[in-house]
PDB file of all heavy atoms in Angstrom:
ATOM      1  N   SER A   1      16.423   6.160  -5.370  1.00  0.00           N
ATOM      2  CA  SER A   1      16.027   4.850  -4.840  1.00  0.00           C
ATOM      3  C   SER A   1      14.652   4.903  -4.186  1.00  0.00           C
ATOM      4  O   SER A   1      13.837   4.005  -4.378  1.00  0.00           O
ATOM      5  CB  SER A   1      17.069   4.314  -3.860  1.00  0.00           C
ATOM      6  OG  SER A   1      17.196   5.154  -2.742  1.00  0.00           O
ATOM      7  N   THR A   2      14.371   5.956  -3.464  1.00  0.00           N
ATOM      8  CA  THR A   2      13.069   6.076  -2.806  1.00  0.00           C
ATOM      9  C   THR A   2      11.949   6.159  -3.834  1.00  0.00           C
ATOM     10  O   THR A   2      10.989   5.396  -3.787  1.00  0.00           O
ATOM     11  CB  THR A   2      13.028   7.319  -1.889  1.00  0.00           C
ATOM     12  OG1 THR A   2      14.036   7.198  -0.897  1.00  0.00           O
ATOM     13  CG2 THR A   2      11.675   7.462  -1.222  1.00  0.00           C
ATOM     14  N   VAL A   3      12.077   7.080  -4.751  1.00  0.00           N
ATOM     15  CA  VAL A   3      11.007   7.302  -5.718  1.00  0.00           C
ATOM     16  C   VAL A   3      10.867   6.117  -6.676  1.00  0.00           C
ATOM     17  O   VAL A   3       9.762   5.620  -6.894  1.00  0.00           O
ATOM     18  CB  VAL A   3      11.234   8.626  -6.491  1.00  0.00           C
ATOM     19  CG1 VAL A   3      10.252   8.775  -7.627  1.00  0.00           C
ATOM     20  CG2 VAL A   3      11.126   9.807  -5.538  1.00  0.00           C
ATOM     21  N   LEU A   4      11.976   5.637  -7.214  1.00  0.00           N
ATOM     22  CA  LEU A   4      11.886   4.554  -8.200  1.00  0.00           C
ATOM     23  C   LEU A   4      11.336   3.263  -7.606  1.00  0.00           C
ATOM     24  O   LEU A   4      10.581   2.552  -8.258  1.00  0.00           O
ATOM     25  CB  LEU A   4      13.254   4.295  -8.835  1.00  0.00           C
ATOM     26  CG  LEU A   4      13.732   5.374  -9.793  1.00  0.00           C
ATOM     27  CD1 LEU A   4      15.134   5.036 -10.320  1.00  0.00           C
ATOM     28  CD2 LEU A   4      12.779   5.570 -10.952  1.00  0.00           C
ATOM     29  N   ILE A   5      11.710   2.973  -6.385  1.00  0.00           N
ATOM     30  CA  ILE A   5      11.210   1.745  -5.765  1.00  0.00           C
ATOM     31  C   ILE A   5       9.769   1.910  -5.309  1.00  0.00           C
ATOM     32  O   ILE A   5       8.911   1.082  -5.600  1.00  0.00           O
ATOM     33  CB  ILE A   5      12.107   1.314  -4.583  1.00  0.00           C
ATOM     34  CG1 ILE A   5      13.479   0.877  -5.109  1.00  0.00           C
ATOM     35  CG2 ILE A   5      11.461   0.191  -3.782  1.00  0.00           C
ATOM     36  CD1 ILE A   5      14.519   0.672  -4.040  1.00  0.00           C
ATOM     37  N   MET A   6       9.482   2.973  -4.601  1.00  0.00           N
ATOM     38  CA  MET A   6       8.176   3.119  -3.972  1.00  0.00           C
ATOM     39  C   MET A   6       7.049   3.414  -4.960  1.00  0.00           C
ATOM     40  O   MET A   6       5.899   3.125  -4.677  1.00  0.00           O
ATOM     41  CB  MET A   6       8.223   4.198  -2.887  1.00  0.00           C
ATOM     42  CG  MET A   6       9.143   3.846  -1.727  1.00  0.00           C
ATOM     43  SD  MET A   6       8.862   2.206  -1.028  1.00  0.00           S
ATOM     44  CE  MET A   6       7.265   2.422  -0.300  1.00  0.00           C
ATOM     45  N   ILE A   7       7.355   3.950  -6.126  1.00  0.00           N
ATOM     46  CA  ILE A   7       6.307   4.224  -7.113  1.00  0.00           C
ATOM     47  C   ILE A   7       5.680   2.923  -7.615  1.00  0.00           C
ATOM     48  O   ILE A   7       4.492   2.861  -7.880  1.00  0.00           O
ATOM     49  CB  ILE A   7       6.881   5.055  -8.280  1.00  0.00           C
ATOM     50  CG1 ILE A   7       6.949   6.505  -7.867  1.00  0.00           C
ATOM     51  CG2 ILE A   7       6.053   4.892  -9.542  1.00  0.00           C
ATOM     52  CD1 ILE A   7       7.494   7.434  -8.904  1.00  0.00           C
ATOM     53  N   PHE A   8       6.475   1.878  -7.699  1.00  0.00           N
ATOM     54  CA  PHE A   8       6.005   0.627  -8.276  1.00  0.00           C
ATOM     55  C   PHE A   8       5.455  -0.365  -7.259  1.00  0.00           C
ATOM     56  O   PHE A   8       4.972  -1.424  -7.639  1.00  0.00           O
ATOM     57  CB  PHE A   8       7.140  -0.030  -9.074  1.00  0.00           C
ATOM     58  CG  PHE A   8       7.604   0.827 -10.218  1.00  0.00           C
ATOM     59  CD1 PHE A   8       8.822   1.477 -10.161  1.00  0.00           C
ATOM     60  CD2 PHE A   8       6.807   1.012 -11.334  1.00  0.00           C
ATOM     61  CE1 PHE A   8       9.254   2.283 -11.210  1.00  0.00           C
ATOM     62  CE2 PHE A   8       7.226   1.815 -12.390  1.00  0.00           C
ATOM     63  CZ  PHE A   8       8.454   2.454 -12.325  1.00  0.00           C
ATOM     64  N   VAL A   9       5.508  -0.030  -5.995  1.00  0.00           N
ATOM     65  CA  VAL A   9       5.053  -0.944  -4.946  1.00  0.00           C
ATOM     66  C   VAL A   9       3.737  -0.418  -4.375  1.00  0.00           C
ATOM     67  O   VAL A   9       3.615   0.769  -4.089  1.00  0.00           O
ATOM     68  CB  VAL A   9       6.114  -1.055  -3.825  1.00  0.00           C
ATOM     69  CG1 VAL A   9       5.668  -1.996  -2.739  1.00  0.00           C
ATOM     70  CG2 VAL A   9       7.451  -1.502  -4.388  1.00  0.00           C
ATOM     71  N   PRO A  10       2.745  -1.288  -4.205  1.00  0.00           N
ATOM     72  CA  PRO A  10       1.472  -0.829  -3.646  1.00  0.00           C
ATOM     73  C   PRO A  10       1.571  -0.594  -2.129  1.00  0.00           C
ATOM     74  O   PRO A  10       2.531  -1.008  -1.488  1.00  0.00           O
ATOM     75  CB  PRO A  10       0.518  -1.987  -3.952  1.00  0.00           C
ATOM     76  CG  PRO A  10       1.391  -3.187  -3.979  1.00  0.00           C
ATOM     77  CD  PRO A  10       2.714  -2.718  -4.541  1.00  0.00           C
ATOM     78  N   GLU A  11       0.561   0.060  -1.598  1.00  0.00           N
ATOM     79  CA  GLU A  11       0.479   0.260  -0.147  1.00  0.00           C
ATOM     80  C   GLU A  11       0.327  -1.096   0.532  1.00  0.00           C
ATOM     81  O   GLU A  11      -0.137  -2.059  -0.059  1.00  0.00           O
ATOM     82  CB  GLU A  11      -0.704   1.175   0.186  1.00  0.00           C
ATOM     83  CG  GLU A  11      -0.911   1.460   1.664  1.00  0.00           C
ATOM     84  CD  GLU A  11       0.293   2.089   2.343  1.00  0.00           C
ATOM     85  OE1 GLU A  11       0.471   3.312   2.220  1.00  0.00           O
ATOM     86  OE2 GLU A  11       1.050   1.354   3.023  1.00  0.00           O
ATOM     87  N   SER A  12       0.712  -1.147   1.775  1.00  0.00           N
ATOM     88  CA  SER A  12       0.623  -2.374   2.561  1.00  0.00           C
ATOM     89  C   SER A  12      -0.827  -2.823   2.717  1.00  0.00           C
ATOM     90  O   SER A  12      -1.681  -2.059   3.184  1.00  0.00           O
ATOM     91  CB  SER A  12       1.219  -2.122   3.952  1.00  0.00           C
ATOM     92  OG  SER A  12       0.755  -3.064   4.875  1.00  0.00           O
ATOM     93  N   PRO A  13      -1.124  -4.077   2.344  1.00  0.00           N
ATOM     94  CA  PRO A  13      -2.493  -4.582   2.522  1.00  0.00           C
ATOM     95  C   PRO A  13      -2.899  -4.600   3.998  1.00  0.00           C
ATOM     96  O   PRO A  13      -4.062  -4.346   4.324  1.00  0.00           O
ATOM     97  CB  PRO A  13      -2.440  -6.007   1.960  1.00  0.00           C
ATOM     98  CG  PRO A  13      -1.140  -6.158   1.273  1.00  0.00           C
ATOM     99  CD  PRO A  13      -0.255  -5.051   1.699  1.00  0.00           C
ATOM    100  N   THR A  14      -1.960  -4.857   4.874  1.00  0.00           N
ATOM    101  CA  THR A  14      -2.253  -4.874   6.310  1.00  0.00           C
ATOM    102  C   THR A  14      -2.692  -3.498   6.781  1.00  0.00           C
ATOM    103  O   THR A  14      -3.682  -3.357   7.502  1.00  0.00           O
ATOM    104  CB  THR A  14      -1.025  -5.354   7.108  1.00  0.00           C
ATOM    105  OG1 THR A  14      -0.630  -6.639   6.621  1.00  0.00           O
ATOM    106  CG2 THR A  14      -1.317  -5.424   8.588  1.00  0.00           C
ATOM    107  N   TRP A  15      -1.958  -2.455   6.380  1.00  0.00           N
ATOM    108  CA  TRP A  15      -2.323  -1.096   6.784  1.00  0.00           C
ATOM    109  C   TRP A  15      -3.691  -0.727   6.206  1.00  0.00           C
ATOM    110  O   TRP A  15      -4.514  -0.121   6.892  1.00  0.00           O
ATOM    111  CB  TRP A  15      -1.263  -0.087   6.328  1.00  0.00           C
ATOM    112  CG  TRP A  15      -1.602   1.304   6.761  1.00  0.00           C
ATOM    113  CD1 TRP A  15      -1.413   1.847   7.995  1.00  0.00           C
ATOM    114  CD2 TRP A  15      -2.236   2.318   5.972  1.00  0.00           C
ATOM    115  NE1 TRP A  15      -1.883   3.140   8.023  1.00  0.00           N
ATOM    116  CE2 TRP A  15      -2.392   3.448   6.790  1.00  0.00           C
ATOM    117  CE3 TRP A  15      -2.685   2.370   4.660  1.00  0.00           C
ATOM    118  CZ2 TRP A  15      -2.961   4.624   6.334  1.00  0.00           C
ATOM    119  CZ3 TRP A  15      -3.262   3.536   4.193  1.00  0.00           C
ATOM    120  CH2 TRP A  15      -3.394   4.655   5.037  1.00  0.00           C
ATOM    121  N   LEU A  16      -3.922  -1.105   4.957  1.00  0.00           N
ATOM    122  CA  LEU A  16      -5.219  -0.805   4.342  1.00  0.00           C
ATOM    123  C   LEU A  16      -6.359  -1.485   5.106  1.00  0.00           C
ATOM    124  O   LEU A  16      -7.420  -0.883   5.308  1.00  0.00           O
ATOM    125  CB  LEU A  16      -5.224  -1.225   2.871  1.00  0.00           C
ATOM    126  CG  LEU A  16      -4.331  -0.389   1.953  1.00  0.00           C
ATOM    127  CD1 LEU A  16      -4.150  -1.072   0.598  1.00  0.00           C
ATOM    128  CD2 LEU A  16      -4.881   1.017   1.790  1.00  0.00           C
ATOM    129  N   LEU A  17      -6.135  -2.713   5.547  1.00  0.00           N
ATOM    130  CA  LEU A  17      -7.164  -3.401   6.341  1.00  0.00           C
ATOM    131  C   LEU A  17      -7.353  -2.737   7.699  1.00  0.00           C
ATOM    132  O   LEU A  17      -8.474  -2.666   8.208  1.00  0.00           O
ATOM    133  CB  LEU A  17      -6.805  -4.879   6.514  1.00  0.00           C
ATOM    134  CG  LEU A  17      -7.038  -5.739   5.269  1.00  0.00           C
ATOM    135  CD1 LEU A  17      -6.477  -7.130   5.471  1.00  0.00           C
ATOM    136  CD2 LEU A  17      -8.516  -5.795   4.926  1.00  0.00           C
ATOM    137  N   LEU A  18      -6.262  -2.259   8.291  1.00  0.00           N
ATOM    138  CA  LEU A  18      -6.379  -1.529   9.562  1.00  0.00           C
ATOM    139  C   LEU A  18      -7.246  -0.279   9.408  1.00  0.00           C
ATOM    140  O   LEU A  18      -7.884   0.159  10.354  1.00  0.00           O
ATOM    141  CB  LEU A  18      -4.995  -1.129  10.086  1.00  0.00           C
ATOM    142  CG  LEU A  18      -4.172  -2.225  10.729  1.00  0.00           C
ATOM    143  CD1 LEU A  18      -2.733  -1.757  10.961  1.00  0.00           C
ATOM    144  CD2 LEU A  18      -4.798  -2.657  12.047  1.00  0.00           C
ATOM    145  N   LYS A  19      -7.243   0.282   8.213  1.00  0.00           N
ATOM    146  CA  LYS A  19      -8.043   1.479   7.921  1.00  0.00           C
ATOM    147  C   LYS A  19      -9.400   1.136   7.303  1.00  0.00           C
ATOM    148  O   LYS A  19     -10.082   2.014   6.784  1.00  0.00           O
ATOM    149  CB  LYS A  19      -7.265   2.419   6.988  1.00  0.00           C
ATOM    150  CG  LYS A  19      -5.952   2.890   7.562  1.00  0.00           C
ATOM    151  CD  LYS A  19      -6.161   3.687   8.820  1.00  0.00           C
ATOM    152  CE  LYS A  19      -4.868   4.145   9.433  1.00  0.00           C
ATOM    153  NZ  LYS A  19      -5.038   4.790  10.715  1.00  0.00           N
ATOM    154  N   ASN A  20      -9.783  -0.155   7.353  1.00  0.00           N
ATOM    155  CA  ASN A  20     -11.056  -0.641   6.808  1.00  0.00           C
ATOM    156  C   ASN A  20     -11.230  -0.341   5.322  1.00  0.00           C
ATOM    157  O   ASN A  20     -12.328  -0.061   4.848  1.00  0.00           O
ATOM    158  CB  ASN A  20     -12.243  -0.071   7.597  1.00  0.00           C
ATOM    159  CG  ASN A  20     -12.291  -0.621   8.995  1.00  0.00           C
ATOM    160  OD1 ASN A  20     -12.055  -1.811   9.197  1.00  0.00           O
ATOM    161  ND2 ASN A  20     -12.550   0.244   9.957  1.00  0.00           N
ATOM    162  N   ARG A  21     -10.163  -0.440   4.576  1.00  0.00           N
ATOM    163  CA  ARG A  21     -10.184  -0.239   3.127  1.00  0.00           C
ATOM    164  C   ARG A  21      -9.958  -1.599   2.456  1.00  0.00           C
ATOM    165  O   ARG A  21      -8.944  -1.850   1.835  1.00  0.00           O
ATOM    166  CB  ARG A  21      -9.126   0.793   2.743  1.00  0.00           C
ATOM    167  CG  ARG A  21      -9.467   2.162   3.306  1.00  0.00           C
ATOM    168  CD  ARG A  21      -8.325   3.139   3.384  1.00  0.00           C
ATOM    169  NE  ARG A  21      -7.665   3.435   2.129  1.00  0.00           N
ATOM    170  CZ  ARG A  21      -6.658   4.300   2.028  1.00  0.00           C
ATOM    171  NH1 ARG A  21      -6.227   4.960   3.093  1.00  0.00           N
ATOM    172  NH2 ARG A  21      -6.077   4.500   0.865  1.00  0.00           N
ATOM    173  N   LYS A  22     -10.945  -2.473   2.594  1.00  0.00           N
ATOM    174  CA  LYS A  22     -10.819  -3.872   2.174  1.00  0.00           C
ATOM    175  C   LYS A  22     -10.643  -4.032   0.670  1.00  0.00           C
ATOM    176  O   LYS A  22      -9.853  -4.871   0.225  1.00  0.00           O
ATOM    177  CB  LYS A  22     -12.017  -4.686   2.667  1.00  0.00           C
ATOM    178  CG  LYS A  22     -12.024  -4.853   4.165  1.00  0.00           C
ATOM    179  CD  LYS A  22     -13.166  -5.710   4.639  1.00  0.00           C
ATOM    180  CE  LYS A  22     -13.099  -5.818   6.167  1.00  0.00           C
ATOM    181  NZ  LYS A  22     -14.155  -6.653   6.700  1.00  0.00           N
ATOM    182  N   ASP A  23     -11.355  -3.259  -0.131  1.00  0.00           N
ATOM    183  CA  ASP A  23     -11.222  -3.383  -1.587  1.00  0.00           C
ATOM    184  C   ASP A  23      -9.804  -3.019  -2.038  1.00  0.00           C
ATOM    185  O   ASP A  23      -9.203  -3.716  -2.858  1.00  0.00           O
ATOM    186  CB  ASP A  23     -12.240  -2.501  -2.309  1.00  0.00           C
ATOM    187  CG  ASP A  23     -13.666  -3.004  -2.148  1.00  0.00           C
ATOM    188  OD1 ASP A  23     -13.840  -4.202  -1.840  1.00  0.00           O
ATOM    189  OD2 ASP A  23     -14.601  -2.205  -2.329  1.00  0.00           O
ATOM    190  N   GLU A  24      -9.278  -1.924  -1.479  1.00  0.00           N
ATOM    191  CA  GLU A  24      -7.910  -1.516  -1.819  1.00  0.00           C
ATOM    192  C   GLU A  24      -6.901  -2.548  -1.331  1.00  0.00           C
ATOM    193  O   GLU A  24      -5.898  -2.811  -2.007  1.00  0.00           O
ATOM    194  CB  GLU A  24      -7.595  -0.153  -1.211  1.00  0.00           C
ATOM    195  CG  GLU A  24      -8.339   0.995  -1.851  1.00  0.00           C
ATOM    196  CD  GLU A  24      -8.061   2.296  -1.125  1.00  0.00           C
ATOM    197  OE1 GLU A  24      -6.906   2.773  -1.200  1.00  0.00           O
ATOM    198  OE2 GLU A  24      -8.988   2.813  -0.465  1.00  0.00           O
ATOM    199  N   ALA A  25      -7.149  -3.124  -0.153  1.00  0.00           N
ATOM    200  CA  ALA A  25      -6.250  -4.150   0.382  1.00  0.00           C
ATOM    201  C   ALA A  25      -6.220  -5.371  -0.523  1.00  0.00           C
ATOM    202  O   ALA A  25      -5.152  -5.948  -0.772  1.00  0.00           O
ATOM    203  CB  ALA A  25      -6.681  -4.540   1.790  1.00  0.00           C
TER     204      ALA A  25
END
């Protein structure tokens, strides 16, 4: 369940913005 679900879901846009990774967000 962990691997199958999490492989297909992107990283959190909020966390990416907190890390100043706007393009990835």
